[in-house]
Amino acid sequence: MQDQTAIEAKLKSYILEEFLGGEDPEELQESTELMTTGILDSIGTLKLVTFLENEFGVQLQPHEADAEYLNTIGDIARLVRSKRGEG
């Protein structure tokens, strides 16, 4: 089991490496909007879903691959925890 903070740290590291290379890590917060600002496009969303499924052992449903569930690091971490029965 991982707590919210540990999941958010893994997500932040992944997003910085995969989508925001060279950006200031301090600019990416758990509340930064990823989908509605265009950081995550459709291909990026698919990559993120694959990462979540592989890294955290969760299975996302198609309707969960949208801004309601994946717009911020905080949202994503809560989704992961709920999928694992932790939240």
N, C-alpha and C. Protein backbone atom coordinates (compact mmCIF):
# COMPACT_ATOMS: atom_id res chain seq x y z
N MET A 1 0.84 -1.20 0.00
CA MET A 1 0.00 0.00 0.00
C MET A 1 0.87 1.25 0.00
N GLN A 2 0.44 2.23 -0.74
CA GLN A 2 1.14 3.51 -0.77
C GLN A 2 0.15 4.60 -0.41
N ASP A 3 0.64 5.59 0.31
CA ASP A 3 -0.26 6.69 0.64
C ASP A 3 -0.33 7.69 -0.52
N GLN A 4 -1.22 8.63 -0.36
CA GLN A 4 -1.47 9.64 -1.40
C GLN A 4 -0.17 10.34 -1.80
N THR A 5 0.65 10.72 -0.82
CA THR A 5 1.88 11.46 -1.10
C THR A 5 2.87 10.64 -1.91
N ALA A 6 3.01 9.36 -1.59
CA ALA A 6 3.94 8.50 -2.32
C ALA A 6 3.49 8.30 -3.76
N ILE A 7 2.20 8.12 -3.95
CA ILE A 7 1.66 7.97 -5.31
C ILE A 7 1.86 9.26 -6.09
N GLU A 8 1.57 10.39 -5.47
CA GLU A 8 1.75 11.69 -6.14
C GLU A 8 3.20 11.91 -6.53
N ALA A 9 4.15 11.50 -5.69
CA ALA A 9 5.57 11.66 -6.00
C ALA A 9 5.95 10.85 -7.24
N LYS A 10 5.48 9.60 -7.33
CA LYS A 10 5.76 8.77 -8.50
C LYS A 10 5.13 9.38 -9.75
N LEU A 11 3.90 9.86 -9.62
CA LEU A 11 3.22 10.48 -10.76
C LEU A 11 3.95 11.73 -11.23
N LYS A 12 4.36 12.56 -10.29
CA LYS A 12 5.06 13.80 -10.63
C LYS A 12 6.36 13.49 -11.37
N SER A 13 7.10 12.53 -10.86
CA SER A 13 8.36 12.15 -11.50
C SER A 13 8.11 11.65 -12.93
N TYR A 14 7.11 10.81 -13.10
CA TYR A 14 6.78 10.27 -14.42
C TYR A 14 6.36 11.40 -15.38
N ILE A 15 5.47 12.26 -14.93
CA ILE A 15 4.96 13.34 -15.79
C ILE A 15 6.08 14.30 -16.17
N LEU A 16 6.95 14.64 -15.22
CA LEU A 16 8.08 15.52 -15.54
C LEU A 16 9.00 14.88 -16.58
N GLU A 17 9.29 13.62 -16.41
CA GLU A 17 10.20 12.93 -17.32
C GLU A 17 9.58 12.72 -18.69
N GLU A 18 8.33 12.31 -18.72
CA GLU A 18 7.69 11.91 -19.97
C GLU A 18 7.12 13.08 -20.77
N PHE A 19 6.58 14.08 -20.09
CA PHE A 19 5.84 15.14 -20.79
C PHE A 19 6.41 16.55 -20.60
N LEU A 20 7.22 16.77 -19.58
CA LEU A 20 7.68 18.12 -19.27
C LEU A 20 9.19 18.19 -19.12
N GLY A 21 9.91 17.48 -19.97
CA GLY A 21 11.37 17.49 -19.90
C GLY A 21 11.92 18.91 -19.93
N GLY A 22 12.79 19.20 -18.98
CA GLY A 22 13.42 20.52 -18.92
C GLY A 22 12.63 21.57 -18.17
N GLU A 23 11.41 21.26 -17.77
CA GLU A 23 10.61 22.23 -17.01
C GLU A 23 11.02 22.23 -15.54
N ASP A 24 10.74 23.31 -14.87
CA ASP A 24 11.04 23.42 -13.44
C ASP A 24 10.11 22.50 -12.65
N PRO A 25 10.67 21.53 -11.94
CA PRO A 25 9.83 20.59 -11.18
C PRO A 25 8.92 21.28 -10.17
N GLU A 26 9.33 22.43 -9.68
CA GLU A 26 8.53 23.15 -8.69
C GLU A 26 7.23 23.70 -9.28
N GLU A 27 7.20 23.85 -10.60
CA GLU A 27 6.01 24.37 -11.26
C GLU A 27 4.89 23.33 -11.33
N LEU A 28 5.24 22.05 -11.25
CA LEU A 28 4.25 20.98 -11.33
C LEU A 28 3.78 20.62 -9.93
N GLN A 29 2.56 21.00 -9.62
CA GLN A 29 1.98 20.74 -8.30
C GLN A 29 0.90 19.68 -8.42
N GLU A 30 0.43 19.16 -7.29
CA GLU A 30 -0.63 18.15 -7.33
C GLU A 30 -1.93 18.72 -7.89
N SER A 31 -2.05 20.05 -7.91
CA SER A 31 -3.26 20.68 -8.43
C SER A 31 -3.11 21.24 -9.85
N THR A 32 -1.92 21.07 -10.46
CA THR A 32 -1.71 21.56 -11.82
C THR A 32 -2.63 20.79 -12.78
N GLU A 33 -3.38 21.52 -13.59
CA GLU A 33 -4.29 20.88 -14.54
C GLU A 33 -3.49 20.35 -15.72
N LEU A 34 -3.60 19.06 -15.95
CA LEU A 34 -2.81 18.40 -16.99
C LEU A 34 -3.55 18.28 -18.31
N MET A 35 -4.82 17.91 -18.24
CA MET A 35 -5.58 17.70 -19.47
C MET A 35 -6.17 19.00 -20.00
N THR A 36 -6.75 19.79 -19.12
CA THR A 36 -7.42 21.01 -19.60
C THR A 36 -6.43 22.08 -20.05
N THR A 37 -5.15 21.95 -19.71
CA THR A 37 -4.14 22.90 -20.17
C THR A 37 -3.35 22.38 -21.36
N GLY A 38 -3.58 21.11 -21.74
CA GLY A 38 -2.91 20.56 -22.90
C GLY A 38 -1.59 19.85 -22.60
N ILE A 39 -1.19 19.76 -21.33
CA ILE A 39 0.03 19.01 -21.01
C ILE A 39 -0.16 17.55 -21.44
N LEU A 40 -1.35 17.03 -21.16
CA LEU A 40 -1.69 15.66 -21.61
C LEU A 40 -2.66 15.76 -22.78
N ASP A 41 -2.21 15.31 -23.95
CA ASP A 41 -3.11 15.20 -25.10
C ASP A 41 -3.62 13.76 -25.15
N SER A 42 -4.27 13.37 -26.22
CA SER A 42 -4.85 12.03 -26.28
C SER A 42 -3.78 10.94 -26.21
N ILE A 43 -2.67 11.12 -26.91
CA ILE A 43 -1.59 10.14 -26.87
C ILE A 43 -0.96 10.12 -25.48
N GLY A 44 -0.75 11.29 -24.89
CA GLY A 44 -0.20 11.37 -23.55
C GLY A 44 -1.10 10.69 -22.53
N THR A 45 -2.40 10.83 -22.70
CA THR A 45 -3.35 10.19 -21.80
C THR A 45 -3.24 8.68 -21.90
N LEU A 46 -3.11 8.16 -23.10
CA LEU A 46 -2.94 6.71 -23.27
C LEU A 46 -1.65 6.23 -22.62
N LYS A 47 -0.58 7.00 -22.76
CA LYS A 47 0.69 6.63 -22.12
C LYS A 47 0.54 6.65 -20.60
N LEU A 48 -0.16 7.65 -20.09
CA LEU A 48 -0.37 7.75 -18.64
C LEU A 48 -1.19 6.56 -18.13
N VAL A 49 -2.26 6.21 -18.84
CA VAL A 49 -3.09 5.07 -18.43
C VAL A 49 -2.25 3.80 -18.39
N THR A 50 -1.43 3.59 -19.41
CA THR A 50 -0.56 2.41 -19.44
C THR A 50 0.40 2.42 -18.26
N PHE A 51 0.98 3.58 -17.96
CA PHE A 51 1.86 3.71 -16.80
C PHE A 51 1.12 3.36 -15.51
N LEU A 52 -0.07 3.91 -15.34
CA LEU A 52 -0.84 3.65 -14.11
C LEU A 52 -1.14 2.16 -13.95
N GLU A 53 -1.54 1.53 -15.04
CA GLU A 53 -1.89 0.11 -14.99
C GLU A 53 -0.67 -0.74 -14.67
N ASN A 54 0.48 -0.40 -15.26
CA ASN A 54 1.70 -1.17 -15.04
C ASN A 54 2.34 -0.87 -13.68
N GLU A 55 2.42 0.39 -13.33
CA GLU A 55 3.11 0.81 -12.11
C GLU A 55 2.32 0.49 -10.84
N PHE A 56 1.01 0.68 -10.90
CA PHE A 56 0.20 0.57 -9.69
C PHE A 56 -0.72 -0.65 -9.69
N GLY A 57 -0.72 -1.41 -10.78
CA GLY A 57 -1.51 -2.63 -10.83
C GLY A 57 -3.02 -2.40 -10.79
N VAL A 58 -3.45 -1.33 -11.43
CA VAL A 58 -4.88 -1.02 -11.48
C VAL A 58 -5.36 -1.15 -12.92
N GLN A 59 -6.65 -1.33 -13.09
CA GLN A 59 -7.25 -1.41 -14.41
C GLN A 59 -8.24 -0.26 -14.55
N LEU A 60 -7.97 0.66 -15.48
CA LEU A 60 -8.88 1.77 -15.68
C LEU A 60 -9.93 1.42 -16.72
N GLN A 61 -11.12 1.94 -16.52
CA GLN A 61 -12.21 1.78 -17.48
C GLN A 61 -12.10 2.93 -18.50
N PRO A 62 -12.61 2.72 -19.70
CA PRO A 62 -12.51 3.77 -20.72
C PRO A 62 -13.04 5.13 -20.26
N HIS A 63 -14.14 5.15 -19.51
CA HIS A 63 -14.70 6.45 -19.09
C HIS A 63 -13.82 7.15 -18.04
N GLU A 64 -12.86 6.44 -17.47
CA GLU A 64 -11.98 7.05 -16.47
C GLU A 64 -10.77 7.75 -17.10
N ALA A 65 -10.60 7.63 -18.39
CA ALA A 65 -9.48 8.25 -19.08
C ALA A 65 -9.86 9.65 -19.58
N ASP A 66 -10.45 10.44 -18.70
CA ASP A 66 -10.81 11.81 -19.08
C ASP A 66 -10.47 12.78 -17.96
N ALA A 67 -10.75 14.04 -18.19
CA ALA A 67 -10.35 15.09 -17.24
C ALA A 67 -11.02 14.96 -15.88
N GLU A 68 -12.15 14.31 -15.82
CA GLU A 68 -12.81 14.14 -14.52
C GLU A 68 -11.94 13.33 -13.56
N TYR A 69 -11.17 12.39 -14.10
CA TYR A 69 -10.36 11.49 -13.28
C TYR A 69 -8.86 11.76 -13.38
N LEU A 70 -8.39 12.32 -14.49
CA LEU A 70 -6.96 12.41 -14.75
C LEU A 70 -6.45 13.83 -14.96
N ASN A 71 -7.16 14.84 -14.49
CA ASN A 71 -6.75 16.21 -14.78
C ASN A 71 -5.61 16.71 -13.92
N THR A 72 -5.51 16.23 -12.68
CA THR A 72 -4.42 16.68 -11.81
C THR A 72 -3.74 15.47 -11.18
N ILE A 73 -2.54 15.67 -10.67
CA ILE A 73 -1.83 14.60 -9.99
C ILE A 73 -2.64 14.13 -8.78
N GLY A 74 -3.26 15.07 -8.08
CA GLY A 74 -4.10 14.71 -6.94
C GLY A 74 -5.28 13.84 -7.35
N ASP A 75 -5.94 14.20 -8.47
CA ASP A 75 -7.06 13.40 -8.99
C ASP A 75 -6.59 11.98 -9.34
N ILE A 76 -5.45 11.90 -10.01
CA ILE A 76 -4.94 10.60 -10.46
C ILE A 76 -4.60 9.73 -9.25
N ALA A 77 -3.94 10.32 -8.26
CA ALA A 77 -3.57 9.55 -7.06
C ALA A 77 -4.81 9.05 -6.33
N ARG A 78 -5.85 9.88 -6.25
CA ARG A 78 -7.10 9.44 -5.61
C ARG A 78 -7.74 8.30 -6.39
N LEU A 79 -7.70 8.38 -7.72
CA LEU A 79 -8.24 7.31 -8.55
C LEU A 79 -7.48 6.01 -8.32
N VAL A 80 -6.16 6.08 -8.31
CA VAL A 80 -5.34 4.89 -8.07
C VAL A 80 -5.67 4.28 -6.72
N ARG A 81 -5.76 5.12 -5.70
CA ARG A 81 -6.06 4.61 -4.35
C ARG A 81 -7.45 3.98 -4.30
N SER A 82 -8.43 4.59 -4.97
CA SER A 82 -9.77 4.02 -4.94
C SER A 82 -9.82 2.70 -5.70
N LYS A 83 -9.05 2.60 -6.80
CA LYS A 83 -8.99 1.35 -7.57
C LYS A 83 -8.36 0.23 -6.74
N ARG A 84 -7.46 0.60 -5.84
CA ARG A 84 -6.80 -0.39 -5.00
C ARG A 84 -7.56 -0.63 -3.70
N GLY A 85 -8.70 0.02 -3.55
CA GLY A 85 -9.48 -0.15 -2.33
C GLY A 85 -8.89 0.55 -1.14
N GLU A 86 -8.07 1.60 -1.40
CA GLU A 86 -7.39 2.32 -0.32
C GLU A 86 -8.05 3.65 -0.02
N GLY A 87 -8.93 4.10 -0.88
CA GLY A 87 -9.44 5.44 -0.68
C GLY A 87 -10.89 5.46 -0.53
